Amino acid sequence: MKVFVSADMEGIAGKTHWEFSKNNADLGEWDRDRRILSEHVNVAIKGAKEAGASEFVVNDSHNTMRNLLINSIDDKSVEIVSGHPKPLCMMEGIDETFDAAFLVGYHAKIGSHPGVLNHSFCPLSIRDIRINGKSVGELGVNAGIAGYFNVPIALVVGDNVMAEEAKSQLGTVEVAVIKKAINMSAAKCLPLSKANEVIEKMAKRAIEGIGDMSPLVYNTATTIEVDYFMTNMADAASLIPGTERKSGTTISFTSNDFLQLFKAFQAMFMLGESVRMELNY
């Protein structure tokens, strides 16, 4: 059995503040988070192997996507996808050969109170994302990519708000809740040893129950809408052929092919973010 792992960082044990995300702001905190994320990936793989999984691809999915400590993931059954940008972003490396996907260290979509560090891809440029009118975050978009290849999301690791989002959008899915949100920048956290124990247990259950899980498949014309914080961010995104300006700050794109839809979306959010960075906003 082959498992794809997308490893983000905001949903890891003990993480409650943005500064931990900025790998040029506080190297001590980033180094700590790198170790924790690598441990979470290791125990998720361990649990999956206990249930019969034998091959793994792990995509480093946070920020610059150069966070995982390759020397800490010492397993011959694992390959690591590192670096940024990547065509499929947080899901780079997935294809139809996988049996299951794990989303480790994930966070709730923007506006999901009290989700810890809730945001959707670009917290200072994107205000909301909707697929066919339904608000989604990174989980919803990335589950669509997995579904394109007929791969179900089997495990989601993060806080309790992320867990509820996963259940509401995916139906049957295992969740490893390793912290309980108090607000966007505070949480009641499990100690690392206990968090890793929970992840390992739920990863094993996820593989054991994979037969009851279904991929999230968009097999008809699908529309993605992106709401930006500023009109000039939407100005940039509207330059992409095939997009439609829905309002001063909203751009949409429609396609029968979810992979094409995602690639257009990735260009949309990168263009919007480039405007933000140019303005130093």
Protein backbone atom coordinates (compact mmCIF):
# COMPACT_ATOMS: atom_id res chain seq x y z
CA MET A 1 0.00 0.00 0.00
CA LYS A 2 1.28 3.44 -0.98
CA VAL A 3 0.61 6.58 1.10
CA PHE A 4 1.10 10.25 0.21
CA VAL A 5 1.80 12.67 3.09
CA SER A 6 1.39 16.45 2.83
CA ALA A 7 3.20 18.05 5.78
CA ASP A 8 2.21 21.58 6.81
CA MET A 9 3.35 23.29 10.00
CA GLU A 10 0.64 25.48 11.59
CA GLY A 11 -1.22 22.43 12.89
CA ILE A 12 1.70 20.79 14.72
CA ALA A 13 1.85 20.26 18.47
CA GLY A 14 2.51 23.39 20.52
CA LYS A 15 2.35 25.85 17.64
CA THR A 16 0.21 28.93 18.30
CA HIS A 17 1.93 31.96 16.79
CA TRP A 18 2.85 33.25 13.35
CA GLU A 19 6.45 34.02 14.25
CA PHE A 20 7.12 30.31 14.42
CA SER A 21 6.28 30.18 10.71
CA LYS A 22 8.83 32.75 9.58
CA ASN A 23 12.03 30.85 9.11
CA ASN A 24 13.99 34.11 8.90
CA ALA A 25 12.42 35.70 12.00
CA ASP A 26 13.27 33.33 14.85
CA LEU A 27 15.55 30.50 13.85
CA GLY A 28 15.27 28.91 17.28
CA GLU A 29 11.52 28.57 17.04
CA TRP A 30 11.66 27.44 13.41
CA ASP A 31 14.26 24.82 14.30
CA ARG A 32 11.98 23.57 17.06
CA ASP A 33 9.02 23.38 14.69
CA ARG A 34 11.06 21.55 12.07
CA ARG A 35 11.93 18.85 14.60
CA ILE A 36 8.31 18.52 15.74
CA LEU A 37 6.97 18.32 12.18
CA SER A 38 9.57 15.69 11.29
CA GLU A 39 8.56 13.66 14.36
CA HIS A 40 4.89 13.88 13.40
CA VAL A 41 5.67 12.60 9.90
CA ASN A 42 7.74 9.75 11.32
CA VAL A 43 5.01 8.53 13.67
CA ALA A 44 2.33 8.86 10.98
CA ILE A 45 4.46 6.63 8.75
CA LYS A 46 5.07 4.23 11.63
CA GLY A 47 1.34 3.89 12.31
CA ALA A 48 0.57 3.38 8.62
CA LYS A 49 3.26 0.69 8.34
CA GLU A 50 1.75 -1.13 11.33
CA ALA A 51 -1.44 -1.41 9.25
CA GLY A 52 0.34 -2.68 6.14
CA ALA A 53 1.44 0.42 4.21
CA SER A 54 4.85 -0.05 2.63
CA GLU A 55 5.69 2.96 0.45
CA PHE A 56 5.52 6.69 1.21
CA VAL A 57 6.06 10.03 -0.48
CA VAL A 58 6.18 13.07 1.82
CA ASN A 59 5.69 16.56 0.41
CA ASP A 60 7.10 19.40 2.52
CA SER A 61 4.15 21.80 2.25
CA HIS A 62 4.85 24.77 4.51
CA ASN A 63 6.06 28.25 3.47
CA THR A 64 9.30 27.79 1.49
CA MET A 65 8.71 24.02 1.67
CA ARG A 66 12.20 23.35 3.01
CA ASN A 67 11.34 22.46 6.59
CA LEU A 68 11.55 18.69 7.04
CA LEU A 69 14.80 17.36 8.47
CA ILE A 70 15.77 14.68 5.97
CA ASN A 71 18.30 13.20 8.39
CA SER A 72 15.43 12.66 10.87
CA ILE A 73 13.31 10.69 8.40
CA ASP A 74 15.54 7.69 8.01
CA ASP A 75 13.31 5.11 6.37
CA LYS A 76 14.09 3.46 3.04
CA SER A 77 10.39 3.34 2.19
CA VAL A 78 10.11 7.18 2.19
CA GLU A 79 10.86 9.80 -0.45
CA ILE A 80 10.68 13.53 0.36
CA VAL A 81 9.55 16.26 -2.04
CA SER A 82 11.20 19.52 -1.04
CA GLY A 83 11.37 23.08 -2.38
CA HIS A 84 9.11 25.78 -3.83
CA PRO A 85 7.36 26.53 -6.14
CA LYS A 86 5.93 23.18 -7.26
CA PRO A 87 3.22 22.56 -9.89
CA LEU A 88 0.86 20.94 -7.38
CA CYS A 89 2.11 22.99 -4.43
CA MET A 90 1.18 21.19 -1.18
CA MET A 91 0.21 18.03 -3.09
CA GLU A 92 3.22 17.73 -5.39
CA GLY A 93 4.13 14.08 -5.91
CA ILE A 94 0.65 12.60 -5.70
CA ASP A 95 -0.70 10.52 -8.57
CA GLU A 96 -3.07 7.64 -9.26
CA THR A 97 -0.66 5.04 -7.82
CA PHE A 98 -1.42 6.06 -4.20
CA ASP A 99 -3.99 4.33 -2.01
CA ALA A 100 -4.35 7.04 0.64
CA ALA A 101 -3.26 10.56 1.56
CA PHE A 102 -2.44 12.02 5.00
CA LEU A 103 -2.60 15.75 5.76
CA VAL A 104 -0.27 16.33 8.71
CA GLY A 105 0.02 19.63 10.60
CA TYR A 106 -2.95 21.22 8.83
CA HIS A 107 -4.98 24.22 10.04
CA ALA A 108 -8.54 25.45 9.61
CA LYS A 109 -9.59 27.70 6.75
CA ILE A 110 -9.59 31.46 7.13
CA GLY A 111 -12.37 32.82 9.34
CA SER A 112 -12.87 29.54 11.22
CA HIS A 113 -13.05 30.80 14.78
CA PRO A 114 -11.37 29.77 17.01
CA GLY A 115 -9.05 27.76 14.74
CA VAL A 116 -5.37 28.19 15.56
CA LEU A 117 -3.59 30.23 12.88
CA ASN A 118 -6.60 29.85 10.58
CA HIS A 119 -5.91 31.03 7.04
CA SER A 120 -6.18 29.85 3.44
CA PHE A 121 -2.88 29.70 1.53
CA CYS A 122 -1.96 33.41 1.78
CA PRO A 123 -3.19 34.96 5.06
CA LEU A 124 -2.49 38.56 4.02
CA SER A 125 -3.87 38.45 0.49
CA ILE A 126 -6.68 35.84 0.35
CA ARG A 127 -9.88 36.55 2.30
CA ASP A 128 -11.83 33.49 1.16
CA ILE A 129 -11.87 30.65 -1.38
CA ARG A 130 -15.04 29.01 -2.65
CA ILE A 131 -15.47 25.91 -4.79
CA ASN A 132 -18.92 25.80 -6.39
CA GLY A 133 -20.04 28.36 -3.83
CA LYS A 134 -18.76 26.50 -0.76
CA SER A 135 -16.06 28.13 1.34
CA VAL A 136 -12.96 25.93 1.55
CA GLY A 137 -9.42 26.15 2.79
CA GLU A 138 -6.24 24.28 2.06
CA LEU A 139 -7.87 20.99 3.03
CA GLY A 140 -10.77 21.42 0.60
CA VAL A 141 -8.56 22.42 -2.32
CA ASN A 142 -5.94 19.75 -1.68
CA ALA A 143 -8.55 17.04 -1.20
CA GLY A 144 -9.80 17.95 -4.68
CA ILE A 145 -6.32 17.37 -6.10
CA ALA A 146 -6.14 13.98 -4.36
CA GLY A 147 -9.62 13.20 -5.68
CA TYR A 148 -8.53 13.98 -9.22
CA PHE A 149 -6.22 10.97 -8.88
CA ASN A 150 -8.93 8.96 -7.07
CA VAL A 151 -7.02 9.07 -3.76
CA PRO A 152 -9.01 9.50 -0.51
CA ILE A 153 -7.82 11.68 2.35
CA ALA A 154 -7.52 9.11 5.14
CA LEU A 155 -5.98 11.12 8.00
CA VAL A 156 -5.92 14.77 9.02
CA VAL A 157 -3.70 16.00 11.87
CA GLY A 158 -4.28 19.38 13.54
CA ASP A 159 -6.52 21.14 16.06
CA ASN A 160 -10.16 20.41 16.88
CA VAL A 161 -11.46 23.06 14.46
CA MET A 162 -9.47 21.51 11.62
CA ALA A 163 -10.87 18.12 12.60
CA GLU A 164 -14.47 19.33 12.30
CA GLU A 165 -13.71 20.94 8.94
CA ALA A 166 -12.26 17.64 7.70
CA LYS A 167 -15.28 15.65 8.83
CA SER A 168 -17.75 18.09 7.30
CA GLN A 169 -16.01 18.15 3.91
CA LEU A 170 -14.69 14.61 3.63
CA GLY A 171 -17.21 12.49 5.51
CA THR A 172 -15.43 9.34 6.66
CA VAL A 173 -11.89 10.34 7.68
CA GLU A 174 -9.66 9.76 10.69
CA VAL A 175 -8.54 12.84 12.62
CA ALA A 176 -5.71 13.22 15.11
CA VAL A 177 -6.58 16.18 17.36
CA ILE A 178 -3.36 17.27 19.05
CA LYS A 179 -4.45 20.68 20.37
CA LYS A 180 -7.72 22.38 21.28
CA ALA A 181 -8.13 25.90 19.96
CA ILE A 182 -8.80 28.72 22.41
CA ASN A 183 -8.49 31.41 19.76
CA MET A 184 -6.38 32.11 16.69
CA SER A 185 -3.17 32.42 18.71
CA ALA A 186 -3.79 30.21 21.76
CA ALA A 187 -4.51 26.56 22.34
CA LYS A 188 -4.55 23.82 24.94
CA CYS A 189 -1.81 21.54 23.62
CA LEU A 190 -0.92 17.92 24.17
CA PRO A 191 2.71 17.30 25.14
CA LEU A 192 4.76 16.14 22.18
CA SER A 193 5.02 12.52 23.32
CA LYS A 194 1.24 12.24 23.70
CA ALA A 195 0.61 14.06 20.40
CA ASN A 196 2.88 11.62 18.59
CA GLU A 197 1.11 8.71 20.26
CA VAL A 198 -2.26 9.99 19.02
CA ILE A 199 -0.96 10.51 15.47
CA GLU A 200 0.53 7.01 15.30
CA LYS A 201 -2.71 5.46 16.57
CA MET A 202 -4.94 7.35 14.15
CA ALA A 203 -2.61 6.72 11.19
CA LYS A 204 -2.89 3.00 11.84
CA ARG A 205 -6.68 3.28 12.06
CA ALA A 206 -6.77 5.32 8.85
CA ILE A 207 -5.06 2.60 6.83
CA GLU A 208 -7.09 -0.15 8.46
CA GLY A 209 -10.30 1.69 7.53
CA ILE A 210 -9.31 2.90 4.07
CA GLY A 211 -11.99 0.73 2.45
CA ASP A 212 -14.69 2.92 4.02
CA MET A 213 -13.24 6.18 2.69
CA SER A 214 -13.99 7.89 -0.61
CA PRO A 215 -12.02 10.51 -2.58
CA LEU A 216 -13.45 14.00 -3.02
CA VAL A 217 -14.07 14.10 -6.77
CA TYR A 218 -15.21 17.09 -8.84
CA ASN A 219 -16.24 15.43 -12.11
CA THR A 220 -18.34 18.24 -13.62
CA ALA A 221 -17.73 21.89 -14.46
CA THR A 222 -16.25 23.39 -11.29
CA THR A 223 -15.83 27.04 -10.36
CA ILE A 224 -13.29 28.42 -7.92
CA GLU A 225 -13.70 31.95 -6.58
CA VAL A 226 -10.98 33.85 -4.75
CA ASP A 227 -11.69 36.88 -2.59
CA TYR A 228 -8.70 39.18 -2.08
CA PHE A 229 -8.19 41.80 0.58
CA MET A 230 -7.32 44.52 -1.94
CA THR A 231 -8.53 45.35 -5.46
CA ASN A 232 -5.04 45.56 -6.91
CA MET A 233 -4.41 41.94 -5.91
CA ALA A 234 -7.49 41.00 -7.93
CA ASP A 235 -6.22 43.23 -10.75
CA ALA A 236 -3.12 41.04 -11.03
CA ALA A 237 -5.04 37.76 -10.85
CA SER A 238 -7.51 38.92 -13.51
CA LEU A 239 -4.69 38.94 -16.08
CA ILE A 240 -4.85 35.13 -16.24
CA PRO A 241 -6.73 34.01 -19.39
CA GLY A 242 -10.09 32.47 -18.59
CA THR A 243 -10.64 34.28 -15.31
CA GLU A 244 -13.75 36.35 -14.64
CA ARG A 245 -13.95 39.46 -12.49
CA LYS A 246 -16.91 38.95 -10.15
CA SER A 247 -16.38 42.09 -8.07
CA GLY A 248 -13.66 44.54 -7.17
CA THR A 249 -11.90 41.93 -5.04
CA THR A 250 -13.22 38.60 -6.40
CA ILE A 251 -11.87 36.57 -9.34
CA SER A 252 -13.26 33.25 -10.55
CA PHE A 253 -12.18 30.46 -12.88
CA THR A 254 -14.22 27.53 -14.22
CA SER A 255 -13.03 24.22 -15.67
CA ASN A 256 -14.13 20.61 -16.16
CA ASP A 257 -10.60 19.54 -15.19
CA PHE A 258 -9.78 20.03 -11.50
CA LEU A 259 -6.04 19.94 -12.11
CA GLN A 260 -6.36 22.79 -14.63
CA LEU A 261 -8.57 24.60 -12.13
CA PHE A 262 -5.96 24.23 -9.41
CA LYS A 263 -3.10 25.43 -11.60
CA ALA A 264 -5.12 28.53 -12.50
CA PHE A 265 -5.86 29.05 -8.82
CA GLN A 266 -2.20 28.69 -7.89
CA ALA A 267 -1.30 31.36 -10.45
CA MET A 268 -4.09 33.53 -9.04
CA PHE A 269 -2.87 33.39 -5.47
CA MET A 270 0.79 33.80 -6.44
CA LEU A 271 -0.02 36.92 -8.45
CA GLY A 272 -2.08 38.36 -5.61
CA GLU A 273 0.67 37.62 -3.14
CA SER A 274 3.28 39.23 -5.40
CA VAL A 275 1.29 42.48 -5.29
CA ARG A 276 1.14 42.30 -1.51
CA MET A 277 4.89 41.77 -1.26
CA GLU A 278 5.59 44.62 -3.67
CA LEU A 279 3.48 46.95 -1.50
CA ASN A 280 5.08 45.54 1.67
CA TYR A 281 1.56 45.09 3.00
